[in-house]
Amino acid sequence: DVIADGVVSAVKEVGLTVPLVVRLEGTNVDEGKRIITESGLNVIAADN
């Protein structure tokens, strides 16, 4: 969730002009995925 918060914050600050793939696994993974999903960012999710 900390990683997800940081990524969302950075994208909102500097913008995103290139493809972004995020793979999250481990501690608080569900919360992290929720933050990414609800951010509205154009993110490609990866399973592994």
ModelCIF file with pLDDT and N, C-alpha, C, O atoms, coordinates in Angstrom:
data_MODEL
#
_entry.id   MODEL 
#
_entity.id                         1 
_entity.type                       polymer 
_entity.pdbx_number_of_molecules   1 
#
_entity_poly.entity_id                      1 
_entity_poly.type                           'polypeptide(L)' 
_entity_poly.nstd_linkage                   no 
_entity_poly.nstd_monomer                   no 
_entity_poly.pdbx_seq_one_letter_code       DVIADGVVSAVKEVGLTVPLVVRLEGTNVDEGKRIITESGLNVIAADN 
_entity_poly.pdbx_seq_one_letter_code_can   DVIADGVVSAVKEVGLTVPLVVRLEGTNVDEGKRIITESGLNVIAADN 
_entity_poly.pdbx_strand_id                 A 
#
loop_
_entity_poly_seq.entity_id 
_entity_poly_seq.num 
_entity_poly_seq.mon_id 
_entity_poly_seq.hetero 
1 1  ASP n 
1 2  VAL n 
1 3  ILE n 
1 4  ALA n 
1 5  ASP n 
1 6  GLY n 
1 7  VAL n 
1 8  VAL n 
1 9  SER n 
1 10 ALA n 
1 11 VAL n 
1 12 LYS n 
1 13 GLU n 
1 14 VAL n 
1 15 GLY n 
1 16 LEU n 
1 17 THR n 
1 18 VAL n 
1 19 PRO n 
1 20 LEU n 
1 21 VAL n 
1 22 VAL n 
1 23 ARG n 
1 24 LEU n 
1 25 GLU n 
1 26 GLY n 
1 27 THR n 
1 28 ASN n 
1 29 VAL n 
1 30 ASP n 
1 31 GLU n 
1 32 GLY n 
1 33 LYS n 
1 34 ARG n 
1 35 ILE n 
1 36 ILE n 
1 37 THR n 
1 38 GLU n 
1 39 SER n 
1 40 GLY n 
1 41 LEU n 
1 42 ASN n 
1 43 VAL n 
1 44 ILE n 
1 45 ALA n 
1 46 ALA n 
1 47 ASP n 
1 48 ASN n 
#
_struct_asym.id          A 
_struct_asym.entity_id   1 
#
loop_
_ma_qa_metric.id 
_ma_qa_metric.mode 
_ma_qa_metric.name 
_ma_qa_metric.software_group_id 
_ma_qa_metric.type 
1 global pLDDT . pLDDT 
2 local  pLDDT . pLDDT 
#
_ma_qa_metric_global.metric_id      1 
_ma_qa_metric_global.metric_value   84.90 
_ma_qa_metric_global.model_id       1 
_ma_qa_metric_global.ordinal_id     1 
#
loop_
_ma_qa_metric_local.label_asym_id 
_ma_qa_metric_local.label_comp_id 
_ma_qa_metric_local.label_seq_id 
_ma_qa_metric_local.metric_id 
_ma_qa_metric_local.metric_value 
_ma_qa_metric_local.model_id 
_ma_qa_metric_local.ordinal_id 
A ASP 1  2 87.00 1 1  
A VAL 2  2 84.00 1 2  
A ILE 3  2 81.00 1 3  
A ALA 4  2 84.00 1 4  
A ASP 5  2 85.00 1 5  
A GLY 6  2 82.00 1 6  
A VAL 7  2 81.00 1 7  
A VAL 8  2 85.00 1 8  
A SER 9  2 84.00 1 9  
A ALA 10 2 81.00 1 10 
A VAL 11 2 83.00 1 11 
A LYS 12 2 83.00 1 12 
A GLU 13 2 81.00 1 13 
A VAL 14 2 79.00 1 14 
A GLY 15 2 81.00 1 15 
A LEU 16 2 81.00 1 16 
A THR 17 2 85.00 1 17 
A VAL 18 2 90.00 1 18 
A PRO 19 2 91.00 1 19 
A LEU 20 2 90.00 1 20 
A VAL 21 2 91.00 1 21 
A VAL 22 2 88.00 1 22 
A ARG 23 2 88.00 1 23 
A LEU 24 2 84.00 1 24 
A GLU 25 2 84.00 1 25 
A GLY 26 2 82.00 1 26 
A THR 27 2 84.00 1 27 
A ASN 28 2 87.00 1 28 
A VAL 29 2 86.00 1 29 
A ASP 30 2 88.00 1 30 
A GLU 31 2 89.00 1 31 
A GLY 32 2 86.00 1 32 
A LYS 33 2 86.00 1 33 
A ARG 34 2 89.00 1 34 
A ILE 35 2 89.00 1 35 
A ILE 36 2 85.00 1 36 
A THR 37 2 85.00 1 37 
A GLU 38 2 87.00 1 38 
A SER 39 2 85.00 1 39 
A GLY 40 2 81.00 1 40 
A LEU 41 2 81.00 1 41 
A ASN 42 2 81.00 1 42 
A VAL 43 2 84.00 1 43 
A ILE 44 2 86.00 1 44 
A ALA 45 2 83.00 1 45 
A ALA 46 2 86.00 1 46 
A ASP 47 2 84.00 1 47 
A ASN 48 2 88.00 1 48 
#
loop_
_atom_site.group_PDB 
_atom_site.id 
_atom_site.type_symbol 
_atom_site.label_atom_id 
_atom_site.label_alt_id 
_atom_site.label_comp_id 
_atom_site.label_asym_id 
_atom_site.label_entity_id 
_atom_site.label_seq_id 
_atom_site.pdbx_PDB_ins_code 
_atom_site.Cartn_x 
_atom_site.Cartn_y 
_atom_site.Cartn_z 
_atom_site.occupancy 
_atom_site.B_iso_or_equiv 
_atom_site.pdbx_formal_charge 
_atom_site.auth_seq_id 
_atom_site.auth_comp_id 
_atom_site.auth_asym_id 
_atom_site.auth_atom_id 
_atom_site.pdbx_PDB_model_num 
ATOM 1   N N  . ASP A 1 1  ? 0.828  -1.216  0.000   1.00 87.00 ? 1  ASP A N  1 
ATOM 2   C CA . ASP A 1 1  ? 0.000  0.000   0.000   1.00 87.00 ? 1  ASP A CA 1 
ATOM 3   C C  . ASP A 1 1  ? 0.858  1.260   0.000   1.00 87.00 ? 1  ASP A C  1 
ATOM 4   O O  . ASP A 1 1  ? 0.470  2.278   -0.574  1.00 87.00 ? 1  ASP A O  1 
ATOM 5   N N  . VAL A 1 2  ? 2.029  1.195   0.647   1.00 84.00 ? 2  VAL A N  1 
ATOM 6   C CA . VAL A 1 2  ? 2.937  2.347   0.652   1.00 84.00 ? 2  VAL A CA 1 
ATOM 7   C C  . VAL A 1 2  ? 3.477  2.595   -0.759  1.00 84.00 ? 2  VAL A C  1 
ATOM 8   O O  . VAL A 1 2  ? 3.551  3.738   -1.211  1.00 84.00 ? 2  VAL A O  1 
ATOM 9   N N  . ILE A 1 3  ? 3.850  1.519   -1.443  1.00 81.00 ? 3  ILE A N  1 
ATOM 10  C CA . ILE A 1 3  ? 4.317  1.640   -2.825  1.00 81.00 ? 3  ILE A CA 1 
ATOM 11  C C  . ILE A 1 3  ? 3.214  2.231   -3.693  1.00 81.00 ? 3  ILE A C  1 
ATOM 12  O O  . ILE A 1 3  ? 3.463  3.145   -4.480  1.00 81.00 ? 3  ILE A O  1 
ATOM 13  N N  . ALA A 1 4  ? 1.999  1.715   -3.555  1.00 84.00 ? 4  ALA A N  1 
ATOM 14  C CA . ALA A 1 4  ? 0.885  2.199   -4.366  1.00 84.00 ? 4  ALA A CA 1 
ATOM 15  C C  . ALA A 1 4  ? 0.615  3.677   -4.114  1.00 84.00 ? 4  ALA A C  1 
ATOM 16  O O  . ALA A 1 4  ? 0.400  4.439   -5.056  1.00 84.00 ? 4  ALA A O  1 
ATOM 17  N N  . ASP A 1 5  ? 0.625  4.085   -2.847  1.00 85.00 ? 5  ASP A N  1 
ATOM 18  C CA . ASP A 1 5  ? 0.428  5.496   -2.511  1.00 85.00 ? 5  ASP A CA 1 
ATOM 19  C C  . ASP A 1 5  ? 1.488  6.370   -3.166  1.00 85.00 ? 5  ASP A C  1 
ATOM 20  O O  . ASP A 1 5  ? 1.182  7.431   -3.709  1.00 85.00 ? 5  ASP A O  1 
ATOM 21  N N  . GLY A 1 6  ? 2.738  5.915   -3.110  1.00 82.00 ? 6  GLY A N  1 
ATOM 22  C CA . GLY A 1 6  ? 3.839  6.677   -3.690  1.00 82.00 ? 6  GLY A CA 1 
ATOM 23  C C  . GLY A 1 6  ? 3.725  6.801   -5.197  1.00 82.00 ? 6  GLY A C  1 
ATOM 24  O O  . GLY A 1 6  ? 3.949  7.878   -5.750  1.00 82.00 ? 6  GLY A O  1 
ATOM 25  N N  . VAL A 1 7  ? 3.378  5.710   -5.866  1.00 81.00 ? 7  VAL A N  1 
ATOM 26  C CA . VAL A 1 7  ? 3.238  5.725   -7.322  1.00 81.00 ? 7  VAL A CA 1 
ATOM 27  C C  . VAL A 1 7  ? 2.120  6.669   -7.743  1.00 81.00 ? 7  VAL A C  1 
ATOM 28  O O  . VAL A 1 7  ? 2.286  7.473   -8.661  1.00 81.00 ? 7  VAL A O  1 
ATOM 29  N N  . VAL A 1 8  ? 0.981  6.565   -7.068  1.00 85.00 ? 8  VAL A N  1 
ATOM 30  C CA . VAL A 1 8  ? -0.160 7.435   -7.398  1.00 85.00 ? 8  VAL A CA 1 
ATOM 31  C C  . VAL A 1 8  ? 0.185  8.907   -7.175  1.00 85.00 ? 8  VAL A C  1 
ATOM 32  O O  . VAL A 1 8  ? -0.144 9.765   -7.994  1.00 85.00 ? 8  VAL A O  1 
ATOM 33  N N  . SER A 1 9  ? 0.845  9.181   -6.065  1.00 84.00 ? 9  SER A N  1 
ATOM 34  C CA . SER A 1 9  ? 1.240  10.552  -5.745  1.00 84.00 ? 9  SER A CA 1 
ATOM 35  C C  . SER A 1 9  ? 2.195  11.113  -6.800  1.00 84.00 ? 9  SER A C  1 
ATOM 36  O O  . SER A 1 9  ? 2.053  12.256  -7.236  1.00 84.00 ? 9  SER A O  1 
ATOM 37  N N  . ALA A 1 10 ? 3.162  10.297  -7.202  1.00 81.00 ? 10 ALA A N  1 
ATOM 38  C CA . ALA A 1 10 ? 4.146  10.750  -8.186  1.00 81.00 ? 10 ALA A CA 1 
ATOM 39  C C  . ALA A 1 10 ? 3.509  10.991  -9.548  1.00 81.00 ? 10 ALA A C  1 
ATOM 40  O O  . ALA A 1 10 ? 3.811  11.985  -10.208 1.00 81.00 ? 10 ALA A O  1 
ATOM 41  N N  . VAL A 1 11 ? 2.632  10.091  -9.970  1.00 83.00 ? 11 VAL A N  1 
ATOM 42  C CA . VAL A 1 11 ? 1.988  10.239  -11.266 1.00 83.00 ? 11 VAL A CA 1 
ATOM 43  C C  . VAL A 1 11 ? 1.132  11.497  -11.306 1.00 83.00 ? 11 VAL A C  1 
ATOM 44  O O  . VAL A 1 11 ? 1.110  12.208  -12.311 1.00 83.00 ? 11 VAL A O  1 
ATOM 45  N N  . LYS A 1 12 ? 0.426  11.770  -10.209 1.00 83.00 ? 12 LYS A N  1 
ATOM 46  C CA . LYS A 1 12 ? -0.401 12.979  -10.155 1.00 83.00 ? 12 LYS A CA 1 
ATOM 47  C C  . LYS A 1 12 ? 0.457  14.242  -10.191 1.00 83.00 ? 12 LYS A C  1 
ATOM 48  O O  . LYS A 1 12 ? 0.018  15.286  -10.673 1.00 83.00 ? 12 LYS A O  1 
ATOM 49  N N  . GLU A 1 13 ? 1.686  14.138  -9.674  1.00 81.00 ? 13 GLU A N  1 
ATOM 50  C CA . GLU A 1 13 ? 2.564  15.302  -9.618  1.00 81.00 ? 13 GLU A CA 1 
ATOM 51  C C  . GLU A 1 13 ? 3.294  15.545  -10.931 1.00 81.00 ? 13 GLU A C  1 
ATOM 52  O O  . GLU A 1 13 ? 3.401  16.688  -11.375 1.00 81.00 ? 13 GLU A O  1 
ATOM 53  N N  . VAL A 1 14 ? 3.793  14.492  -11.556 1.00 79.00 ? 14 VAL A N  1 
ATOM 54  C CA . VAL A 1 14 ? 4.612  14.667  -12.761 1.00 79.00 ? 14 VAL A CA 1 
ATOM 55  C C  . VAL A 1 14 ? 3.920  14.190  -14.032 1.00 79.00 ? 14 VAL A C  1 
ATOM 56  O O  . VAL A 1 14 ? 4.417  14.426  -15.133 1.00 79.00 ? 14 VAL A O  1 
ATOM 57  N N  . GLY A 1 15 ? 2.782  13.524  -13.890 1.00 81.00 ? 15 GLY A N  1 
ATOM 58  C CA . GLY A 1 15 ? 2.091  13.016  -15.059 1.00 81.00 ? 15 GLY A CA 1 
ATOM 59  C C  . GLY A 1 15 ? 2.655  11.683  -15.514 1.00 81.00 ? 15 GLY A C  1 
ATOM 60  O O  . GLY A 1 15 ? 3.712  11.259  -15.047 1.00 81.00 ? 15 GLY A O  1 
ATOM 61  N N  . LEU A 1 16 ? 1.956  11.024  -16.420 1.00 81.00 ? 16 LEU A N  1 
ATOM 62  C CA . LEU A 1 16 ? 2.396  9.723   -16.926 1.00 81.00 ? 16 LEU A CA 1 
ATOM 63  C C  . LEU A 1 16 ? 2.209  9.699   -18.431 1.00 81.00 ? 16 LEU A C  1 
ATOM 64  O O  . LEU A 1 16 ? 1.083  9.737   -18.927 1.00 81.00 ? 16 LEU A O  1 
ATOM 65  N N  . THR A 1 17 ? 3.311  9.637   -19.151 1.00 85.00 ? 17 THR A N  1 
ATOM 66  C CA . THR A 1 17 ? 3.259  9.668   -20.616 1.00 85.00 ? 17 THR A CA 1 
ATOM 67  C C  . THR A 1 17 ? 3.746  8.365   -21.238 1.00 85.00 ? 17 THR A C  1 
ATOM 68  O O  . THR A 1 17 ? 3.793  8.245   -22.462 1.00 85.00 ? 17 THR A O  1 
ATOM 69  N N  . VAL A 1 18 ? 4.112  7.383   -20.403 1.00 90.00 ? 18 VAL A N  1 
ATOM 70  C CA . VAL A 1 18 ? 4.600  6.103   -20.910 1.00 90.00 ? 18 VAL A CA 1 
ATOM 71  C C  . VAL A 1 18 ? 3.819  4.979   -20.246 1.00 90.00 ? 18 VAL A C  1 
ATOM 72  O O  . VAL A 1 18 ? 3.217  5.184   -19.193 1.00 90.00 ? 18 VAL A O  1 
ATOM 73  N N  . PRO A 1 19 ? 3.822  3.788   -20.852 1.00 91.00 ? 19 PRO A N  1 
ATOM 74  C CA . PRO A 1 19 ? 3.107  2.654   -20.246 1.00 91.00 ? 19 PRO A CA 1 
ATOM 75  C C  . PRO A 1 19 ? 3.662  2.320   -18.856 1.00 91.00 ? 19 PRO A C  1 
ATOM 76  O O  . PRO A 1 19 ? 4.867  2.401   -18.618 1.00 91.00 ? 19 PRO A O  1 
ATOM 77  N N  . LEU A 1 20 ? 2.765  1.946   -17.955 1.00 90.00 ? 20 LEU A N  1 
ATOM 78  C CA . LEU A 1 20 ? 3.144  1.582   -16.594 1.00 90.00 ? 20 LEU A CA 1 
ATOM 79  C C  . LEU A 1 20 ? 2.540  0.227   -16.245 1.00 90.00 ? 20 LEU A C  1 
ATOM 80  O O  . LEU A 1 20 ? 1.322  0.055   -16.268 1.00 90.00 ? 20 LEU A O  1 
ATOM 81  N N  . VAL A 1 21 ? 3.405  -0.734  -15.923 1.00 91.00 ? 21 VAL A N  1 
ATOM 82  C CA . VAL A 1 21 ? 2.969  -2.062  -15.493 1.00 91.00 ? 21 VAL A CA 1 
ATOM 83  C C  . VAL A 1 21 ? 3.322  -2.216  -14.014 1.00 91.00 ? 21 VAL A C  1 
ATOM 84  O O  . VAL A 1 21 ? 4.449  -1.946  -13.601 1.00 91.00 ? 21 VAL A O  1 
ATOM 85  N N  . VAL A 1 22 ? 2.337  -2.654  -13.225 1.00 88.00 ? 22 VAL A N  1 
ATOM 86  C CA . VAL A 1 22 ? 2.541  -2.805  -11.786 1.00 88.00 ? 22 VAL A CA 1 
ATOM 87  C C  . VAL A 1 22 ? 2.252  -4.248  -11.378 1.00 88.00 ? 22 VAL A C  1 
ATOM 88  O O  . VAL A 1 22 ? 1.184  -4.796  -11.654 1.00 88.00 ? 22 VAL A O  1 
ATOM 89  N N  . ARG A 1 23 ? 3.236  -4.837  -10.717 1.00 88.00 ? 23 ARG A N  1 
ATOM 90  C CA . ARG A 1 23 ? 3.051  -6.155  -10.135 1.00 88.00 ? 23 ARG A CA 1 
ATOM 91  C C  . ARG A 1 23 ? 3.260  -6.038  -8.635  1.00 88.00 ? 23 ARG A C  1 
ATOM 92  O O  . ARG A 1 23 ? 4.354  -5.698  -8.183  1.00 88.00 ? 23 ARG A O  1 
ATOM 93  N N  . LEU A 1 24 ? 2.217  -6.318  -7.860  1.00 84.00 ? 24 LEU A N  1 
ATOM 94  C CA . LEU A 1 24 ? 2.285  -6.250  -6.407  1.00 84.00 ? 24 LEU A CA 1 
ATOM 95  C C  . LEU A 1 24 ? 1.998  -7.622  -5.814  1.00 84.00 ? 24 LEU A C  1 
ATOM 96  O O  . LEU A 1 24 ? 1.102  -8.333  -6.269  1.00 84.00 ? 24 LEU A O  1 
ATOM 97  N N  . GLU A 1 25 ? 2.763  -7.983  -4.799  1.00 84.00 ? 25 GLU A N  1 
ATOM 98  C CA . GLU A 1 25 ? 2.543  -9.246  -4.098  1.00 84.00 ? 25 GLU A CA 1 
ATOM 99  C C  . GLU A 1 25 ? 3.100  -9.111  -2.694  1.00 84.00 ? 25 GLU A C  1 
ATOM 100 O O  . GLU A 1 25 ? 4.135  -8.477  -2.486  1.00 84.00 ? 25 GLU A O  1 
ATOM 101 N N  . GLY A 1 26 ? 2.406  -9.712  -1.722  1.00 82.00 ? 26 GLY A N  1 
ATOM 102 C CA . GLY A 1 26 ? 2.940  -9.699  -0.367  1.00 82.00 ? 26 GLY A CA 1 
ATOM 103 C C  . GLY A 1 26 ? 2.103  -8.888  0.603   1.00 82.00 ? 26 GLY A C  1 
ATOM 104 O O  . GLY A 1 26 ? 0.879  -8.840  0.484   1.00 82.00 ? 26 GLY A O  1 
ATOM 105 N N  . THR A 1 27 ? 2.762  -8.250  1.565   1.00 84.00 ? 27 THR A N  1 
ATOM 106 C CA . THR A 1 27 ? 2.098  -7.540  2.653   1.00 84.00 ? 27 THR A CA 1 
ATOM 107 C C  . THR A 1 27 ? 1.195  -6.419  2.141   1.00 84.00 ? 27 THR A C  1 
ATOM 108 O O  . THR A 1 27 ? 1.622  -5.560  1.370   1.00 84.00 ? 27 THR A O  1 
ATOM 109 N N  . ASN A 1 28 ? -0.063 -6.448  2.587   1.00 87.00 ? 28 ASN A N  1 
ATOM 110 C CA . ASN A 1 28 ? -1.068 -5.440  2.215   1.00 87.00 ? 28 ASN A CA 1 
ATOM 111 C C  . ASN A 1 28 ? -1.276 -5.352  0.706   1.00 87.00 ? 28 ASN A C  1 
ATOM 112 O O  . ASN A 1 28 ? -1.529 -4.270  0.176   1.00 87.00 ? 28 ASN A O  1 
ATOM 113 N N  . VAL A 1 29 ? -1.170 -6.487  0.011   1.00 86.00 ? 29 VAL A N  1 
ATOM 114 C CA . VAL A 1 29 ? -1.279 -6.473  -1.441  1.00 86.00 ? 29 VAL A CA 1 
ATOM 115 C C  . VAL A 1 29 ? -2.675 -6.055  -1.902  1.00 86.00 ? 29 VAL A C  1 
ATOM 116 O O  . VAL A 1 29 ? -2.805 -5.326  -2.885  1.00 86.00 ? 29 VAL A O  1 
ATOM 117 N N  . ASP A 1 30 ? -3.721 -6.507  -1.202  1.00 88.00 ? 30 ASP A N  1 
ATOM 118 C CA . ASP A 1 30 ? -5.078 -6.154  -1.609  1.00 88.00 ? 30 ASP A CA 1 
ATOM 119 C C  . ASP A 1 30 ? -5.323 -4.655  -1.489  1.00 88.00 ? 30 ASP A C  1 
ATOM 120 O O  . ASP A 1 30 ? -5.959 -4.046  -2.349  1.00 88.00 ? 30 ASP A O  1 
ATOM 121 N N  . GLU A 1 31 ? -4.807 -4.069  -0.406  1.00 89.00 ? 31 GLU A N  1 
ATOM 122 C CA . GLU A 1 31 ? -4.952 -2.633  -0.223  1.00 89.00 ? 31 GLU A CA 1 
ATOM 123 C C  . GLU A 1 31 ? -4.176 -1.881  -1.303  1.00 89.00 ? 31 GLU A C  1 
ATOM 124 O O  . GLU A 1 31 ? -4.647 -0.870  -1.824  1.00 89.00 ? 31 GLU A O  1 
ATOM 125 N N  . GLY A 1 32 ? -3.005 -2.371  -1.629  1.00 86.00 ? 32 GLY A N  1 
ATOM 126 C CA . GLY A 1 32 ? -2.196 -1.732  -2.672  1.00 86.00 ? 32 GLY A CA 1 
ATOM 127 C C  . GLY A 1 32 ? -2.893 -1.774  -4.017  1.00 86.00 ? 32 GLY A C  1 
ATOM 128 O O  . GLY A 1 32 ? -2.924 -0.772  -4.731  1.00 86.00 ? 32 GLY A O  1 
ATOM 129 N N  . LYS A 1 33 ? -3.454 -2.925  -4.372  1.00 86.00 ? 33 LYS A N  1 
ATOM 130 C CA . LYS A 1 33 ? -4.161 -3.052  -5.646  1.00 86.00 ? 33 LYS A CA 1 
ATOM 131 C C  . LYS A 1 33 ? -5.398 -2.161  -5.678  1.00 86.00 ? 33 LYS A C  1 
ATOM 132 O O  . LYS A 1 33 ? -5.740 -1.596  -6.716  1.00 86.00 ? 33 LYS A O  1 
ATOM 133 N N  . ARG A 1 34 ? -6.071 -2.040  -4.521  1.00 89.00 ? 34 ARG A N  1 
ATOM 134 C CA . ARG A 1 34 ? -7.259 -1.181  -4.458  1.00 89.00 ? 34 ARG A CA 1 
ATOM 135 C C  . ARG A 1 34 ? -6.895 0.275   -4.725  1.00 89.00 ? 34 ARG A C  1 
ATOM 136 O O  . ARG A 1 34 ? -7.594 0.980   -5.452  1.00 89.00 ? 34 ARG A O  1 
ATOM 137 N N  . ILE A 1 35 ? -5.784 0.715   -4.123  1.00 89.00 ? 35 ILE A N  1 
ATOM 138 C CA . ILE A 1 35 ? -5.336 2.104   -4.308  1.00 89.00 ? 35 ILE A CA 1 
ATOM 139 C C  . ILE A 1 35 ? -5.025 2.374   -5.776  1.00 89.00 ? 35 ILE A C  1 
ATOM 140 O O  . ILE A 1 35 ? -5.401 3.417   -6.311  1.00 89.00 ? 35 ILE A O  1 
ATOM 141 N N  . ILE A 1 36 ? -4.345 1.443   -6.422  1.00 85.00 ? 36 ILE A N  1 
ATOM 142 C CA . ILE A 1 36 ? -4.010 1.603   -7.834  1.00 85.00 ? 36 ILE A CA 1 
ATOM 143 C C  . ILE A 1 36 ? -5.279 1.620   -8.686  1.00 85.00 ? 36 ILE A C  1 
ATOM 144 O O  . ILE A 1 36 ? -5.430 2.464   -9.569  1.00 85.00 ? 36 ILE A O  1 
ATOM 145 N N  . THR A 1 37 ? -6.187 0.685   -8.415  1.00 85.00 ? 37 THR A N  1 
ATOM 146 C CA . THR A 1 37 ? -7.414 0.560   -9.212  1.00 85.00 ? 37 THR A CA 1 
ATOM 147 C C  . THR A 1 37 ? -8.289 1.804   -9.091  1.00 85.00 ? 37 THR A C  1 
ATOM 148 O O  . THR A 1 37 ? -8.809 2.301   -10.090 1.00 85.00 ? 37 THR A O  1 
ATOM 149 N N  . GLU A 1 38 ? -8.448 2.302   -7.872  1.00 87.00 ? 38 GLU A N  1 
ATOM 150 C CA . GLU A 1 38 ? -9.336 3.442   -7.631  1.00 87.00 ? 38 GLU A CA 1 
ATOM 151 C C  . GLU A 1 38 ? -8.690 4.780   -7.984  1.00 87.00 ? 38 GLU A C  1 
ATOM 152 O O  . GLU A 1 38 ? -9.350 5.818   -7.932  1.00 87.00 ? 38 GLU A O  1 
ATOM 153 N N  . SER A 1 39 ? -7.405 4.763   -8.342  1.00 85.00 ? 39 SER A N  1 
ATOM 154 C CA . SER A 1 39 ? -6.724 6.017   -8.674  1.00 85.00 ? 39 SER A CA 1 
ATOM 155 C C  . SER A 1 39 ? -7.130 6.568   -10.031 1.00 85.00 ? 39 SER A C  1 
ATOM 156 O O  . SER A 1 39 ? -6.966 7.755   -10.310 1.00 85.00 ? 39 SER A O  1 
ATOM 157 N N  . GLY A 1 40 ? -7.665 5.684   -10.872 1.00 81.00 ? 40 GLY A N  1 
ATOM 158 C CA . GLY A 1 40 ? -8.035 6.111   -12.208 1.00 81.00 ? 40 GLY A CA 1 
ATOM 159 C C  . GLY A 1 40 ? -6.867 6.181   -13.169 1.00 81.00 ? 40 GLY A C  1 
ATOM 160 O O  . GLY A 1 40 ? -7.021 6.635   -14.303 1.00 81.00 ? 40 GLY A O  1 
ATOM 161 N N  . LEU A 1 41 ? -5.685 5.729   -12.724 1.00 81.00 ? 41 LEU A N  1 
ATOM 162 C CA . LEU A 1 41 ? -4.512 5.758   -13.582 1.00 81.00 ? 41 LEU A CA 1 
ATOM 163 C C  . LEU A 1 41 ? -4.603 4.679   -14.654 1.00 81.00 ? 41 LEU A C  1 
ATOM 164 O O  . LEU A 1 41 ? -5.237 3.640   -14.468 1.00 81.00 ? 41 LEU A O  1 
ATOM 165 N N  . ASN A 1 42 ? -3.952 4.954   -15.777 1.00 81.00 ? 42 ASN A N  1 
ATOM 166 C CA . ASN A 1 42 ? -3.900 3.973   -16.860 1.00 81.00 ? 42 ASN A CA 1 
ATOM 167 C C  . ASN A 1 42 ? -2.762 2.998   -16.573 1.00 81.00 ? 42 ASN A C  1 
ATOM 168 O O  . ASN A 1 42 ? -1.666 3.112   -17.122 1.00 81.00 ? 42 ASN A O  1 
ATOM 169 N N  . VAL A 1 43 ? -3.053 2.032   -15.696 1.00 84.00 ? 43 VAL A N  1 
ATOM 170 C CA . VAL A 1 43 ? -2.043 1.088   -15.238 1.00 84.00 ? 43 VAL A CA 1 
ATOM 171 C C  . VAL A 1 43 ? -2.370 -0.309  -15.751 1.00 84.00 ? 43 VAL A C  1 
ATOM 172 O O  . VAL A 1 43 ? -3.522 -0.742  -15.725 1.00 84.00 ? 43 VAL A O  1 
ATOM 173 N N  . ILE A 1 44 ? -1.330 -1.010  -16.219 1.00 86.00 ? 44 ILE A N  1 
ATOM 174 C CA . ILE A 1 44 ? -1.482 -2.401  -16.650 1.00 86.00 ? 44 ILE A CA 1 
ATOM 175 C C  . ILE A 1 44 ? -1.109 -3.296  -15.478 1.00 86.00 ? 44 ILE A C  1 
ATOM 176 O O  . ILE A 1 44 ? 0.024  -3.249  -15.000 1.00 86.00 ? 44 ILE A O  1 
ATOM 177 N N  . ALA A 1 45 ? -2.049 -4.113  -15.011 1.00 83.00 ? 45 ALA A N  1 
ATOM 178 C CA . ALA A 1 45 ? -1.794 -4.996  -13.872 1.00 83.00 ? 45 ALA A CA 1 
ATOM 179 C C  . ALA A 1 45 ? -1.106 -6.272  -14.345 1.00 83.00 ? 45 ALA A C  1 
ATOM 180 O O  . ALA A 1 45 ? -1.390 -6.785  -15.428 1.00 83.00 ? 45 ALA A O  1 
ATOM 181 N N  . ALA A 1 46 ? -0.193 -6.775  -13.507 1.00 86.00 ? 46 ALA A N  1 
ATOM 182 C CA . ALA A 1 46 ? 0.519  -8.019  -13.813 1.00 86.00 ? 46 ALA A CA 1 
ATOM 183 C C  . ALA A 1 46 ? 0.359  -8.986  -12.654 1.00 86.00 ? 46 ALA A C  1 
ATOM 184 O O  . ALA A 1 46 ? 0.321  -8.576  -11.493 1.00 86.00 ? 46 ALA A O  1 
ATOM 185 N N  . ASP A 1 47 ? 0.266  -10.278 -12.972 1.00 84.00 ? 47 ASP A N  1 
ATOM 186 C CA . ASP A 1 47 ? 0.052  -11.293 -11.947 1.00 84.00 ? 47 ASP A CA 1 
ATOM 187 C C  . ASP A 1 47 ? 1.356  -11.787 -11.330 1.00 84.00 ? 47 ASP A C  1 
ATOM 188 O O  . ASP A 1 47 ? 1.381  -12.173 -10.161 1.00 84.00 ? 47 ASP A O  1 
ATOM 189 N N  . ASN A 1 48 ? 2.428  -11.779 -12.097 1.00 88.00 ? 48 ASN A N  1 
ATOM 190 C CA . ASN A 1 48 ? 3.719  -12.251 -11.602 1.00 88.00 ? 48 ASN A CA 1 
ATOM 191 C C  . ASN A 1 48 ? 4.843  -11.565 -12.377 1.00 88.00 ? 48 ASN A C  1 
ATOM 192 O O  . ASN A 1 48 ? 6.018  -11.821 -12.117 1.00 88.00 ? 48 ASN A O  1 
#
